[in-house]
Structures are given as C-alpha cells and as structure tokens.
PDB file of N, CA and C in Angstrom:
ATOM      1  N   MET A   1     106.554 -17.318 214.977  1.00  0.00           N
ATOM      2  CA  MET A   1     106.523 -16.214 214.471  1.00  0.00           C
ATOM      3  C   MET A   1     106.585 -16.371 213.035  1.00  0.00           C
ATOM      4  N   SER A   2     105.421 -15.901 212.666  1.00  0.00           N
ATOM      5  CA  SER A   2     104.569 -16.258 211.433  1.00  0.00           C
ATOM      6  C   SER A   2     105.491 -14.866 210.388  1.00  0.00           C
ATOM      7  N   GLU A   3     105.130 -14.970 209.369  1.00  0.00           N
ATOM      8  CA  GLU A   3     105.841 -13.919 207.749  1.00  0.00           C
ATOM      9  C   GLU A   3     104.994 -12.671 207.944  1.00  0.00           C
ATOM     10  N   PHE A   4     103.548 -13.063 208.731  1.00  0.00           N
ATOM     11  CA  PHE A   4     102.468 -12.047 208.507  1.00  0.00           C
ATOM     12  C   PHE A   4     103.064 -11.135 210.055  1.00  0.00           C
ATOM     13  N   ASP A   5     103.858 -11.240 210.704  1.00  0.00           N
ATOM     14  CA  ASP A   5     103.720 -10.297 212.153  1.00  0.00           C
ATOM     15  C   ASP A   5     104.715  -8.918 211.665  1.00  0.00           C
ATOM     16  N   ASN A   6     105.185  -8.871 210.605  1.00  0.00           N
ATOM     17  CA  ASN A   6     106.517  -7.744 210.063  1.00  0.00           C
ATOM     18  C   ASN A   6     105.461  -6.801 209.115  1.00  0.00           C
ATOM     19  N   VAL A   7     104.017  -7.357 208.727  1.00  0.00           N
ATOM     20  CA  VAL A   7     103.686  -6.692 207.647  1.00  0.00           C
ATOM     21  C   VAL A   7     103.285  -5.132 208.466  1.00  0.00           C
ATOM     22  N   THR A   8     103.391  -4.013 207.859  1.00  0.00           N
ATOM     23  CA  THR A   8     103.049  -2.686 208.632  1.00  0.00           C
ATOM     24  C   THR A   8     101.763  -2.289 207.483  1.00  0.00           C
ATOM     25  N   ALA A   9     101.137  -1.635 208.232  1.00  0.00           N
ATOM     26  CA  ALA A   9      99.843  -0.902 207.580  1.00  0.00           C
ATOM     27  C   ALA A   9     100.146   0.309 206.946  1.00  0.00           C
ATOM     28  N   PRO A  10      98.789   0.494 206.312  1.00  0.00           N
ATOM     29  CA  PRO A  10      99.447   1.944 205.230  1.00  0.00           C
ATOM     30  C   PRO A  10     100.004   2.902 205.909  1.00  0.00           C
ATOM     31  N   PRO A  11     100.334   4.041 205.524  1.00  0.00           N
ATOM     32  CA  PRO A  11     100.782   5.075 206.249  1.00  0.00           C
ATOM     33  C   PRO A  11      99.259   5.775 206.665  1.00  0.00           C
ATOM     34  N   PRO A  12      99.530   6.652 207.680  1.00  0.00           N
ATOM     35  CA  PRO A  12      97.815   7.515 207.791  1.00  0.00           C
ATOM     36  C   PRO A  12      97.919   8.668 207.028  1.00  0.00           C
ATOM     37  N   PRO A  13      96.481   8.790 206.557  1.00  0.00           N
ATOM     38  CA  PRO A  13      96.380   9.753 205.448  1.00  0.00           C
ATOM     39  C   PRO A  13      96.738  11.365 206.075  1.00  0.00           C
ATOM     40  N   THR A  14      97.118  12.232 205.083  1.00  0.00           N
ATOM     41  CA  THR A  14      97.724  13.552 205.842  1.00  0.00           C
ATOM     42  C   THR A  14      96.615  14.357 206.251  1.00  0.00           C
ATOM     43  N   THR A  15      96.473  15.280 207.425  1.00  0.00           N
ATOM     44  CA  THR A  15      95.516  16.008 207.634  1.00  0.00           C
ATOM     45  C   THR A  15      95.373  17.669 207.223  1.00  0.00           C
ATOM     46  N   GLY A  16      94.617  18.151 207.172  1.00  0.00           N
ATOM     47  CA  GLY A  16      94.468  19.470 207.039  1.00  0.00           C
ATOM     48  C   GLY A  16      94.121  19.553 205.567  1.00  0.00           C
ATOM     49  N   GLU A  17      93.610  20.825 204.888  1.00  0.00           N
ATOM     50  CA  GLU A  17      93.047  21.451 203.896  1.00  0.00           C
ATOM     51  C   GLU A  17      94.181  21.543 202.886  1.00  0.00           C
ATOM     52  N   ALA A  18      93.991  20.710 201.860  1.00  0.00           N
ATOM     53  CA  ALA A  18      94.882  20.797 200.669  1.00  0.00           C
ATOM     54  C   ALA A  18      94.720  21.982 199.798  1.00  0.00           C
ATOM     55  N   PRO A  19      95.318  22.867 199.368  1.00  0.00           N
ATOM     56  CA  PRO A  19      94.819  23.740 198.426  1.00  0.00           C
ATOM     57  C   PRO A  19      94.630  23.260 196.934  1.00  0.00           C
ATOM     58  N   GLN A  20      93.817  24.304 195.943  1.00  0.00           N
ATOM     59  CA  GLN A  20      93.522  23.474 194.677  1.00  0.00           C
ATOM     60  C   GLN A  20      94.558  22.785 193.978  1.00  0.00           C
ATOM     61  N   ASP A  21      95.767  23.719 193.785  1.00  0.00           N
ATOM     62  CA  ASP A  21      96.518  23.104 192.904  1.00  0.00           C
ATOM     63  C   ASP A  21      97.069  21.853 193.289  1.00  0.00           C
ATOM     64  N   GLN A  22      97.522  21.656 195.050  1.00  0.00           N
ATOM     65  CA  GLN A  22      97.491  20.153 195.311  1.00  0.00           C
ATOM     66  C   GLN A  22      96.880  19.122 195.006  1.00  0.00           C
ATOM     67  N   ARG A  23      95.497  19.601 195.131  1.00  0.00           N
ATOM     68  CA  ARG A  23      94.101  18.765 194.770  1.00  0.00           C
ATOM     69  C   ARG A  23      94.204  18.228 193.204  1.00  0.00           C
ATOM     70  N   THR A  24      94.755  18.907 192.580  1.00  0.00           N
ATOM     71  CA  THR A  24      94.689  18.999 190.769  1.00  0.00           C
ATOM     72  C   THR A  24      95.953  17.999 190.677  1.00  0.00           C
ATOM     73  N   MET A  25      96.520  18.106 190.963  1.00  0.00           N
ATOM     74  CA  MET A  25      98.116  17.417 190.993  1.00  0.00           C
ATOM     75  C   MET A  25      97.767  15.782 191.721  1.00  0.00           C
ATOM     76  N   SER A  26      97.067  15.930 192.837  1.00  0.00           N
ATOM     77  CA  SER A  26      96.742  14.458 193.513  1.00  0.00           C
ATOM     78  C   SER A  26      95.686  13.644 192.421  1.00  0.00           C
ATOM     79  N   LEU A  27      95.029  14.615 191.835  1.00  0.00           N
ATOM     80  CA  LEU A  27      93.890  13.676 190.861  1.00  0.00           C
ATOM     81  C   LEU A  27      94.612  13.528 189.624  1.00  0.00           C
ATOM     82  N   LEU A  28      95.781  13.992 189.329  1.00  0.00           N
ATOM     83  CA  LEU A  28      96.560  13.687 187.875  1.00  0.00           C
ATOM     84  C   LEU A  28      97.449  12.095 188.145  1.00  0.00           C
ATOM     85  N   ALA A  29      97.885  12.288 189.557  1.00  0.00           N
ATOM     86  CA  ALA A  29      98.591  10.876 189.982  1.00  0.00           C
ATOM     87  C   ALA A  29      98.039   9.852 189.279  1.00  0.00           C
ATOM     88  N   HIS A  30      96.475   9.946 189.827  1.00  0.00           N
ATOM     89  CA  HIS A  30      95.582   8.844 190.049  1.00  0.00           C
ATOM     90  C   HIS A  30      95.196   8.315 188.807  1.00  0.00           C
ATOM     91  N   LEU A  31      95.278   9.616 187.565  1.00  0.00           N
ATOM     92  CA  LEU A  31      94.043   9.690 186.727  1.00  0.00           C
ATOM     93  C   LEU A  31      94.955   9.055 185.941  1.00  0.00           C
ATOM     94  N   LEU A  32      96.261   9.509 185.698  1.00  0.00           N
ATOM     95  CA  LEU A  32      97.365   9.250 184.814  1.00  0.00           C
ATOM     96  C   LEU A  32      97.654   7.635 184.807  1.00  0.00           C
ATOM     97  N   GLY A  33      97.695   6.825 185.831  1.00  0.00           N
ATOM     98  CA  GLY A  33      97.947   5.524 186.034  1.00  0.00           C
ATOM     99  C   GLY A  33      97.074   4.647 185.089  1.00  0.00           C
ATOM    100  N   ILE A  34      95.573   5.364 184.854  1.00  0.00           N
ATOM    101  CA  ILE A  34      95.027   4.380 183.921  1.00  0.00           C
ATOM    102  C   ILE A  34      95.617   4.502 182.563  1.00  0.00           C
ATOM    103  N   VAL A  35      96.445   5.647 182.281  1.00  0.00           N
ATOM    104  CA  VAL A  35      96.935   5.730 180.835  1.00  0.00           C
ATOM    105  C   VAL A  35      98.634   5.274 180.899  1.00  0.00           C
ATOM    106  N   THR A  36      98.992   5.684 181.632  1.00  0.00           N
ATOM    107  CA  THR A  36     100.878   5.629 181.767  1.00  0.00           C
ATOM    108  C   THR A  36     101.215   4.720 182.520  1.00  0.00           C
ATOM    109  N   GLY A  37     100.240   3.677 183.183  1.00  0.00           N
ATOM    110  CA  GLY A  37     100.792   2.838 184.495  1.00  0.00           C
ATOM    111  C   GLY A  37     101.274   3.445 185.634  1.00  0.00           C
ATOM    112  N   PRO A  38     102.664   3.148 185.743  1.00  0.00           N
ATOM    113  CA  PRO A  38     103.405   3.890 187.014  1.00  0.00           C
ATOM    114  C   PRO A  38     104.044   5.262 187.013  1.00  0.00           C
ATOM    115  N   ILE A  39     104.666   5.499 185.563  1.00  0.00           N
ATOM    116  CA  ILE A  39     105.275   6.678 185.045  1.00  0.00           C
ATOM    117  C   ILE A  39     104.442   7.783 185.442  1.00  0.00           C
ATOM    118  N   GLY A  40     103.380   8.005 185.478  1.00  0.00           N
ATOM    119  CA  GLY A  40     102.871   9.475 185.578  1.00  0.00           C
ATOM    120  C   GLY A  40     103.048   9.807 187.095  1.00  0.00           C
ATOM    121  N   ALA A  41     102.833   8.933 188.024  1.00  0.00           N
ATOM    122  CA  ALA A  41     102.703   8.942 189.123  1.00  0.00           C
ATOM    123  C   ALA A  41     104.013   9.049 189.612  1.00  0.00           C
ATOM    124  N   LEU A  42     105.312   8.270 189.099  1.00  0.00           N
ATOM    125  CA  LEU A  42     106.462   8.465 189.337  1.00  0.00           C
ATOM    126  C   LEU A  42     107.087   9.766 189.415  1.00  0.00           C
ATOM    127  N   ILE A  43     106.584  10.510 188.165  1.00  0.00           N
ATOM    128  CA  ILE A  43     107.134  11.629 187.483  1.00  0.00           C
ATOM    129  C   ILE A  43     106.349  12.796 188.590  1.00  0.00           C
ATOM    130  N   ILE A  44     104.891  12.619 188.620  1.00  0.00           N
ATOM    131  CA  ILE A  44     104.765  13.670 189.770  1.00  0.00           C
ATOM    132  C   ILE A  44     105.481  13.538 191.131  1.00  0.00           C
ATOM    133  N   TRP A  45     105.559  12.238 191.808  1.00  0.00           N
ATOM    134  CA  TRP A  45     106.629  11.712 192.909  1.00  0.00           C
ATOM    135  C   TRP A  45     107.749  12.643 193.289  1.00  0.00           C
ATOM    136  N   LEU A  46     108.588  12.441 191.665  1.00  0.00           N
ATOM    137  CA  LEU A  46     109.863  12.726 191.594  1.00  0.00           C
ATOM    138  C   LEU A  46     109.750  14.301 191.898  1.00  0.00           C
ATOM    139  N   VAL A  47     108.681  14.808 191.200  1.00  0.00           N
ATOM    140  CA  VAL A  47     108.975  16.236 191.056  1.00  0.00           C
ATOM    141  C   VAL A  47     108.485  17.209 192.327  1.00  0.00           C
ATOM    142  N   SER A  48     107.811  16.239 193.186  1.00  0.00           N
ATOM    143  CA  SER A  48     107.446  17.204 194.319  1.00  0.00           C
ATOM    144  C   SER A  48     107.859  16.740 195.944  1.00  0.00           C
ATOM    145  N   LYS A  49     108.618  15.227 195.705  1.00  0.00           N
ATOM    146  CA  LYS A  49     109.399  14.949 197.051  1.00  0.00           C
ATOM    147  C   LYS A  49     109.859  15.887 197.910  1.00  0.00           C
ATOM    148  N   ASP A  50     110.689  16.644 197.215  1.00  0.00           N
ATOM    149  CA  ASP A  50     111.668  17.506 197.945  1.00  0.00           C
ATOM    150  C   ASP A  50     111.038  18.769 198.383  1.00  0.00           C
ATOM    151  N   ASP A  51     109.455  19.323 198.144  1.00  0.00           N
ATOM    152  CA  ASP A  51     109.376  20.166 198.598  1.00  0.00           C
ATOM    153  C   ASP A  51     108.199  20.215 199.584  1.00  0.00           C
ATOM    154  N   ALA A  52     108.612  20.308 200.666  1.00  0.00           N
ATOM    155  CA  ALA A  52     107.590  20.183 202.207  1.00  0.00           C
ATOM    156  C   ALA A  52     106.534  20.676 202.068  1.00  0.00           C
ATOM    157  N   SER A  53     105.653  22.159 201.580  1.00  0.00           N
ATOM    158  CA  SER A  53     104.734  22.420 201.141  1.00  0.00           C
ATOM    159  C   SER A  53     104.026  21.363 200.443  1.00  0.00           C
ATOM    160  N   LYS A  54     104.096  20.632 199.776  1.00  0.00           N
ATOM    161  CA  LYS A  54     103.491  19.900 198.734  1.00  0.00           C
ATOM    162  C   LYS A  54     103.370  18.534 199.773  1.00  0.00           C
ATOM    163  N   GLY A  55     102.734  18.258 200.964  1.00  0.00           N
ATOM    164  CA  GLY A  55     102.830  16.905 201.566  1.00  0.00           C
ATOM    165  C   GLY A  55     101.668  16.189 201.040  1.00  0.00           C
ATOM    166  N   PHE A  56     100.208  16.824 200.749  1.00  0.00           N
ATOM    167  CA  PHE A  56      99.432  16.216 200.152  1.00  0.00           C
ATOM    168  C   PHE A  56      99.821  15.528 198.577  1.00  0.00           C
ATOM    169  N   VAL A  57     100.073  16.275 197.769  1.00  0.00           N
ATOM    170  CA  VAL A  57     100.516  15.628 196.424  1.00  0.00           C
ATOM    171  C   VAL A  57     101.660  14.354 196.736  1.00  0.00           C
ATOM    172  N   VAL A  58     102.459  14.715 197.550  1.00  0.00           N
ATOM    173  CA  VAL A  58     103.837  13.726 197.747  1.00  0.00           C
ATOM    174  C   VAL A  58     102.991  12.368 198.354  1.00  0.00           C
ATOM    175  N   ASP A  59     101.924  12.602 199.319  1.00  0.00           N
ATOM    176  CA  ASP A  59     101.258  11.899 199.949  1.00  0.00           C
ATOM    177  C   ASP A  59     100.632  10.818 198.919  1.00  0.00           C
ATOM    178  N   GLN A  60      99.615  11.408 198.088  1.00  0.00           N
ATOM    179  CA  GLN A  60      98.636  10.886 197.115  1.00  0.00           C
ATOM    180  C   GLN A  60      99.450  10.122 196.016  1.00  0.00           C
ATOM    181  N   SER A  61     100.660  10.831 195.505  1.00  0.00           N
ATOM    182  CA  SER A  61     101.442  10.275 194.670  1.00  0.00           C
ATOM    183  C   SER A  61     102.108   9.009 194.541  1.00  0.00           C
ATOM    184  N   LYS A  62     102.493   9.201 196.032  1.00  0.00           N
ATOM    185  CA  LYS A  62     102.990   7.695 196.415  1.00  0.00           C
ATOM    186  C   LYS A  62     102.225   6.534 196.672  1.00  0.00           C
ATOM    187  N   GLU A  63     100.972   6.996 197.061  1.00  0.00           N
ATOM    188  CA  GLU A  63      99.639   5.803 197.146  1.00  0.00           C
ATOM    189  C   GLU A  63      99.458   5.817 195.727  1.00  0.00           C
ATOM    190  N   ALA A  64      99.335   6.623 194.603  1.00  0.00           N
ATOM    191  CA  ALA A  64      99.192   6.231 193.406  1.00  0.00           C
ATOM    192  C   ALA A  64     100.200   5.107 192.929  1.00  0.00           C
ATOM    193  N   LEU A  65     101.508   5.479 193.122  1.00  0.00           N
ATOM    194  CA  LEU A  65     102.553   4.930 192.309  1.00  0.00           C
ATOM    195  C   LEU A  65     102.488   3.488 193.101  1.00  0.00           C
ATOM    196  N   ASN A  66     102.104   3.417 194.395  1.00  0.00           N
ATOM    197  CA  ASN A  66     102.273   1.833 195.189  1.00  0.00           C
ATOM    198  C   ASN A  66     101.357   0.938 194.294  1.00  0.00           C
ATOM    199  N   PHE A  67     100.073   1.662 194.237  1.00  0.00           N
ATOM    200  CA  PHE A  67      99.222   0.752 193.527  1.00  0.00           C
ATOM    201  C   PHE A  67      99.247   0.726 192.076  1.00  0.00           C
ATOM    202  N   GLN A  68     100.092   1.305 191.042  1.00  0.00           N
ATOM    203  CA  GLN A  68     100.435   0.979 189.761  1.00  0.00           C
ATOM    204  C   GLN A  68     101.435   0.463 189.550  1.00  0.00           C
ATOM    205  N   ILE A  69     102.236  -0.087 190.631  1.00  0.00           N
ATOM    206  CA  ILE A  69     103.309  -1.254 190.922  1.00  0.00           C
ATOM    207  C   ILE A  69     102.298  -2.466 191.071  1.00  0.00           C
ATOM    208  N   THR A  70     101.510  -2.462 192.149  1.00  0.00           N
ATOM    209  CA  THR A  70     100.695  -3.521 192.272  1.00  0.00           C
ATOM    210  C   THR A  70     100.029  -4.240 191.159  1.00  0.00           C
ATOM    211  N   VAL A  71      99.501  -2.869 190.178  1.00  0.00           N
ATOM    212  CA  VAL A  71      98.599  -3.533 189.083  1.00  0.00           C
ATOM    213  C   VAL A  71      99.638  -3.930 187.631  1.00  0.00           C
ATOM    214  N   PHE A  72     101.073  -3.462 187.942  1.00  0.00           N
ATOM    215  CA  PHE A  72     101.907  -3.785 187.084  1.00  0.00           C
ATOM    216  C   PHE A  72     102.253  -5.629 187.212  1.00  0.00           C
ATOM    217  N   ILE A  73     102.472  -5.192 188.441  1.00  0.00           N
ATOM    218  CA  ILE A  73     102.806  -7.016 188.983  1.00  0.00           C
ATOM    219  C   ILE A  73     101.615  -8.169 188.674  1.00  0.00           C
ATOM    220  N   ALA A  74     100.534  -7.212 188.902  1.00  0.00           N
ATOM    221  CA  ALA A  74      98.799  -8.240 188.874  1.00  0.00           C
ATOM    222  C   ALA A  74      99.336  -8.301 187.126  1.00  0.00           C
ATOM    223  N   ILE A  75      99.009  -7.468 186.364  1.00  0.00           N
ATOM    224  CA  ILE A  75      99.176  -8.078 185.013  1.00  0.00           C
ATOM    225  C   ILE A  75     100.210  -8.774 184.114  1.00  0.00           C
ATOM    226  N   VAL A  76     101.512  -8.964 185.111  1.00  0.00           N
ATOM    227  CA  VAL A  76     102.547  -9.859 184.693  1.00  0.00           C
ATOM    228  C   VAL A  76     101.976 -11.252 184.977  1.00  0.00           C
ATOM    229  N   ILE A  77     101.473 -11.502 186.305  1.00  0.00           N
ATOM    230  CA  ILE A  77     101.214 -12.728 186.512  1.00  0.00           C
ATOM    231  C   ILE A  77      99.928 -13.304 185.832  1.00  0.00           C
ATOM    232  N   SER A  78      98.959 -12.583 185.352  1.00  0.00           N
ATOM    233  CA  SER A  78      98.124 -12.650 184.896  1.00  0.00           C
ATOM    234  C   SER A  78      98.520 -13.225 183.108  1.00  0.00           C
ATOM    235  N   TRP A  79      99.537 -12.653 182.970  1.00  0.00           N
ATOM    236  CA  TRP A  79      99.973 -12.874 181.331  1.00  0.00           C
ATOM    237  C   TRP A  79     100.482 -14.071 181.256  1.00  0.00           C
ATOM    238  N   ILE A  80     101.489 -14.192 182.580  1.00  0.00           N
ATOM    239  CA  ILE A  80     102.057 -15.600 182.839  1.00  0.00           C
ATOM    240  C   ILE A  80     101.304 -16.752 182.938  1.00  0.00           C
ATOM    241  N   LEU A  81      99.669 -16.621 183.737  1.00  0.00           N
ATOM    242  CA  LEU A  81      98.881 -17.048 183.574  1.00  0.00           C
ATOM    243  C   LEU A  81      98.001 -17.462 182.619  1.00  0.00           C
ATOM    244  N   ALA A  82      97.963 -16.723 181.897  1.00  0.00           N
ATOM    245  CA  ALA A  82      97.328 -16.940 180.211  1.00  0.00           C
ATOM    246  C   ALA A  82      97.821 -18.310 179.725  1.00  0.00           C
ATOM    247  N   PHE A  83      99.023 -18.909 180.073  1.00  0.00           N
ATOM    248  CA  PHE A  83      99.103 -20.108 179.484  1.00  0.00           C
ATOM    249  C   PHE A  83      98.357 -21.198 179.807  1.00  0.00           C
ATOM    250  N   VAL A  84      97.789 -21.341 181.250  1.00  0.00           N
ATOM    251  CA  VAL A  84      96.837 -22.058 181.820  1.00  0.00           C
ATOM    252  C   VAL A  84      95.216 -21.520 181.495  1.00  0.00           C
ATOM    253  N   LEU A  85      94.917 -20.407 180.689  1.00  0.00           N
ATOM    254  CA  LEU A  85      93.827 -19.902 180.413  1.00  0.00           C
ATOM    255  C   LEU A  85      93.268 -19.235 181.678  1.00  0.00           C
ATOM    256  N   ILE A  86      93.330 -19.303 183.141  1.00  0.00           N
ATOM    257  CA  ILE A  86      93.143 -18.460 183.982  1.00  0.00           C
ATOM    258  C   ILE A  86      93.553 -17.251 184.066  1.00  0.00           C
ATOM    259  N   GLY A  87      94.610 -16.792 183.396  1.00  0.00           N
ATOM    260  CA  GLY A  87      95.023 -15.452 183.009  1.00  0.00           C
ATOM    261  C   GLY A  87      94.300 -14.171 182.419  1.00  0.00           C
ATOM    262  N   LEU A  88      93.627 -15.348 181.298  1.00  0.00           N
ATOM    263  CA  LEU A  88      92.883 -14.428 180.496  1.00  0.00           C
ATOM    264  C   LEU A  88      91.623 -14.155 180.914  1.00  0.00           C
ATOM    265  N   LEU A  89      91.007 -14.420 182.105  1.00  0.00           N
ATOM    266  CA  LEU A  89      89.947 -13.953 182.693  1.00  0.00           C
ATOM    267  C   LEU A  89      90.454 -13.344 183.548  1.00  0.00           C
ATOM    268  N   LEU A  90      91.611 -13.266 184.544  1.00  0.00           N
ATOM    269  CA  LEU A  90      92.334 -12.062 185.431  1.00  0.00           C
ATOM    270  C   LEU A  90      92.522 -10.850 184.911  1.00  0.00           C
ATOM    271  N   MET A  91      93.150 -10.670 183.542  1.00  0.00           N
ATOM    272  CA  MET A  91      93.578  -9.347 182.846  1.00  0.00           C
ATOM    273  C   MET A  91      92.485  -8.475 182.834  1.00  0.00           C
ATOM    274  N   PRO A  92      91.341  -8.772 181.992  1.00  0.00           N
ATOM    275  CA  PRO A  92      90.396  -7.675 182.122  1.00  0.00           C
ATOM    276  C   PRO A  92      89.955  -7.306 183.419  1.00  0.00           C
ATOM    277  N   LEU A  93      89.898  -8.289 184.597  1.00  0.00           N
ATOM    278  CA  LEU A  93      89.378  -7.733 185.626  1.00  0.00           C
ATOM    279  C   LEU A  93      90.465  -6.831 186.684  1.00  0.00           C
ATOM    280  N   VAL A  94      91.782  -7.254 186.229  1.00  0.00           N
ATOM    281  CA  VAL A  94      92.373  -6.591 186.846  1.00  0.00           C
ATOM    282  C   VAL A  94      92.386  -5.028 186.247  1.00  0.00           C
ATOM    283  N   GLY A  95      92.352  -4.930 184.842  1.00  0.00           N
ATOM    284  CA  GLY A  95      92.146  -3.525 184.472  1.00  0.00           C
ATOM    285  C   GLY A  95      91.239  -2.681 184.806  1.00  0.00           C
ATOM    286  N   ILE A  96      89.598  -3.465 184.455  1.00  0.00           N
ATOM    287  CA  ILE A  96      88.726  -2.979 185.512  1.00  0.00           C
ATOM    288  C   ILE A  96      88.884  -2.605 186.500  1.00  0.00           C
ATOM    289  N   ALA A  97      89.505  -3.059 187.673  1.00  0.00           N
ATOM    290  CA  ALA A  97      89.600  -2.721 189.041  1.00  0.00           C
ATOM    291  C   ALA A  97      90.571  -1.514 189.068  1.00  0.00           C
ATOM    292  N   ASN A  98      91.808  -1.268 187.963  1.00  0.00           N
ATOM    293  CA  ASN A  98      92.840  -0.490 188.017  1.00  0.00           C
ATOM    294  C   ASN A  98      91.841   0.775 187.516  1.00  0.00           C
ATOM    295  N   LEU A  99      90.549   0.621 187.028  1.00  0.00           N
ATOM    296  CA  LEU A  99      90.230   1.942 186.264  1.00  0.00           C
ATOM    297  C   LEU A  99      89.131   2.323 187.341  1.00  0.00           C
ATOM    298  N   VAL A 100      88.161   1.466 187.748  1.00  0.00           N
ATOM    299  CA  VAL A 100      87.400   1.922 188.673  1.00  0.00           C
ATOM    300  C   VAL A 100      87.838   2.601 189.913  1.00  0.00           C
ATOM    301  N   LEU A 101      88.978   2.203 190.570  1.00  0.00           N
ATOM    302  CA  LEU A 101      89.774   2.231 191.738  1.00  0.00           C
ATOM    303  C   LEU A 101      90.423   3.916 191.794  1.00  0.00           C
ATOM    304  N   CYS A 102      90.914   3.916 190.450  1.00  0.00           N
ATOM    305  CA  CYS A 102      91.780   5.241 190.205  1.00  0.00           C
ATOM    306  C   CYS A 102      90.765   6.441 190.029  1.00  0.00           C
ATOM    307  N   ILE A 103      89.321   5.850 189.145  1.00  0.00           N
ATOM    308  CA  ILE A 103      88.762   7.152 189.295  1.00  0.00           C
ATOM    309  C   ILE A 103      88.232   7.615 190.397  1.00  0.00           C
ATOM    310  N   ILE A 104      87.824   6.363 191.791  1.00  0.00           N
ATOM    311  CA  ILE A 104      87.115   6.847 192.857  1.00  0.00           C
ATOM    312  C   ILE A 104      88.484   7.527 193.521  1.00  0.00           C
ATOM    313  N   ALA A 105      89.747   7.383 193.562  1.00  0.00           N
ATOM    314  CA  ALA A 105      90.700   7.679 194.614  1.00  0.00           C
ATOM    315  C   ALA A 105      91.053   8.985 193.509  1.00  0.00           C
ATOM    316  N   GLY A 106      91.019   9.382 192.373  1.00  0.00           N
ATOM    317  CA  GLY A 106      90.726  10.959 191.729  1.00  0.00           C
ATOM    318  C   GLY A 106      89.842  11.822 192.387  1.00  0.00           C
ATOM    319  N   ILE A 107      88.635  10.991 192.268  1.00  0.00           N
ATOM    320  CA  ILE A 107      87.416  12.181 192.928  1.00  0.00           C
ATOM    321  C   ILE A 107      87.725  12.586 194.110  1.00  0.00           C
ATOM    322  N   LYS A 108      88.206  11.648 195.136  1.00  0.00           N
ATOM    323  CA  LYS A 108      88.509  11.989 196.304  1.00  0.00           C
ATOM    324  C   LYS A 108      89.895  12.769 196.776  1.00  0.00           C
ATOM    325  N   ALA A 109      90.710  12.639 195.588  1.00  0.00           N
ATOM    326  CA  ALA A 109      91.961  13.679 195.870  1.00  0.00           C
ATOM    327  C   ALA A 109      91.772  14.853 195.395  1.00  0.00           C
ATOM    328  N   ASN A 110      90.692  15.138 194.548  1.00  0.00           N
ATOM    329  CA  ASN A 110      90.385  16.564 193.859  1.00  0.00           C
ATOM    330  C   ASN A 110      89.371  16.844 195.051  1.00  0.00           C
ATOM    331  N   ASN A 111      88.695  16.245 195.925  1.00  0.00           N
ATOM    332  CA  ASN A 111      87.753  16.852 197.146  1.00  0.00           C
ATOM    333  C   ASN A 111      88.713  17.243 198.440  1.00  0.00           C
ATOM    334  N   GLY A 112      90.271  16.791 198.665  1.00  0.00           N
ATOM    335  CA  GLY A 112      91.019  17.102 199.514  1.00  0.00           C
ATOM    336  C   GLY A 112      91.185  15.969 199.989  1.00  0.00           C
ATOM    337  N   GLU A 113      90.483  14.444 200.271  1.00  0.00           N
ATOM    338  CA  GLU A 113      90.957  13.821 201.031  1.00  0.00           C
ATOM    339  C   GLU A 113      91.634  12.271 200.471  1.00  0.00           C
ATOM    340  N   SER A 114      92.410  12.630 201.579  1.00  0.00           N
ATOM    341  CA  SER A 114      93.768  11.265 201.081  1.00  0.00           C
ATOM    342  C   SER A 114      92.980   9.960 201.107  1.00  0.00           C
ATOM    343  N   TYR A 115      93.121   9.079 200.016  1.00  0.00           N
ATOM    344  CA  TYR A 115      92.351   8.151 199.554  1.00  0.00           C
ATOM    345  C   TYR A 115      93.676   6.837 199.703  1.00  0.00           C
ATOM    346  N   ARG A 116      93.449   5.690 200.203  1.00  0.00           N
ATOM    347  CA  ARG A 116      94.052   4.716 200.073  1.00  0.00           C
ATOM    348  C   ARG A 116      93.656   3.637 199.982  1.00  0.00           C
ATOM    349  N   TYR A 117      93.885   3.208 198.747  1.00  0.00           N
ATOM    350  CA  TYR A 117      93.614   2.114 197.878  1.00  0.00           C
ATOM    351  C   TYR A 117      93.337   0.458 198.642  1.00  0.00           C
ATOM    352  N   PRO A 118      92.357   0.022 198.301  1.00  0.00           N
ATOM    353  CA  PRO A 118      92.129  -1.386 199.605  1.00  0.00           C
ATOM    354  C   PRO A 118      93.120  -2.612 199.237  1.00  0.00           C
ATOM    355  N   PHE A 119      93.678  -2.715 198.310  1.00  0.00           N
ATOM    356  CA  PHE A 119      94.935  -3.576 198.137  1.00  0.00           C
ATOM    357  C   PHE A 119      96.040  -2.898 197.348  1.00  0.00           C
ATOM    358  N   ALA A 120      96.936  -2.859 198.010  1.00  0.00           N
ATOM    359  CA  ALA A 120      98.364  -2.155 197.218  1.00  0.00           C
ATOM    360  C   ALA A 120      99.551  -2.554 198.009  1.00  0.00           C
ATOM    361  N   LEU A 121     100.808  -3.023 197.610  1.00  0.00           N
ATOM    362  CA  LEU A 121     101.631  -3.274 197.609  1.00  0.00           C
ATOM    363  C   LEU A 121     102.384  -1.638 198.324  1.00  0.00           C
ATOM    364  N   ARG A 122     103.182  -1.528 199.658  1.00  0.00           N
ATOM    365  CA  ARG A 122     103.523  -0.224 199.802  1.00  0.00           C
ATOM    366  C   ARG A 122     104.910  -0.737 199.634  1.00  0.00           C
ATOM    367  N   LEU A 123     105.304  -0.510 198.646  1.00  0.00           N
ATOM    368  CA  LEU A 123     106.790  -0.457 198.141  1.00  0.00           C
ATOM    369  C   LEU A 123     107.473   1.092 198.459  1.00  0.00           C
ATOM    370  N   ILE A 124     106.658   1.815 198.181  1.00  0.00           N
ATOM    371  CA  ILE A 124     107.337   3.170 198.212  1.00  0.00           C
ATOM    372  C   ILE A 124     106.861   4.050 199.395  1.00  0.00           C
ATOM    373  N   LYS A 125     107.883   3.999 200.548  1.00  0.00           N
ATOM    374  CA  LYS A 125     107.892   4.793 201.766  1.00  0.00           C
ATOM    375  C   LYS A 125     107.557   6.079 202.281  1.00  0.00           C
TER     376      LYS A 125
END
C-alpha cells in the first residue's frame, strides 16, 4: 500500500447561484491573499463558517485559505533553498503564480463559479 492511496480529492464545488454579496466576499477572500497571505481568507472564513446561508463564501474562503497556506509553505521552502541559490529563482515564481491564480480565482468567484486551485494542500476541510 503506497502513501498515495489515502490522498483525498478536492471537495466538489458548491451548486446553485450565489447572491452578489456572497460573490463579493468570495472575491475578497481570494484577492486578499495577494496582500495579506492567509490572514484575509482566514478572517472571512471564521466570520462566515457558522452561517449556513453563506455556503459559497465558506467554500471559497476555505479554498483561498488552503491555497495561501500552500503558498506560505512554498515561500518558506524557497527561502531555505536560497542558501543553495535555487530558492532565489523559486521565490519570484511562487509570487507570480500566487498573483495570477488569485486573480483568476477572484474573477471566477465574482462570476458565481466555484474555483479550485490547481495545486493546494487541503488542510482545512
């Protein structure tokens, strides 16, 4: 049995049309990651997680939070690898990927579509 047998797939996107206020909060959850890292998405998720009517916001803020945690880990690894010079190349790549993917996710969330980042550790379920 390999270590990859227990890997879970990302949760399915939510269904149905999200109201405009939820789409705006989801947009903020994704875009705040560019500036604040995981803190912005964490605050939005903590505020919304107990309200059953905000399913879209909870789903998208969890997705943004998981991605920002993944980016934080990648930045720490890049910083450590900077001592062997490869990290100096990885840090800008991680930053550009963060910027581009957060903008794409924000646009999708504002259109009412659930977005799943192509690579993110699903630590918050």
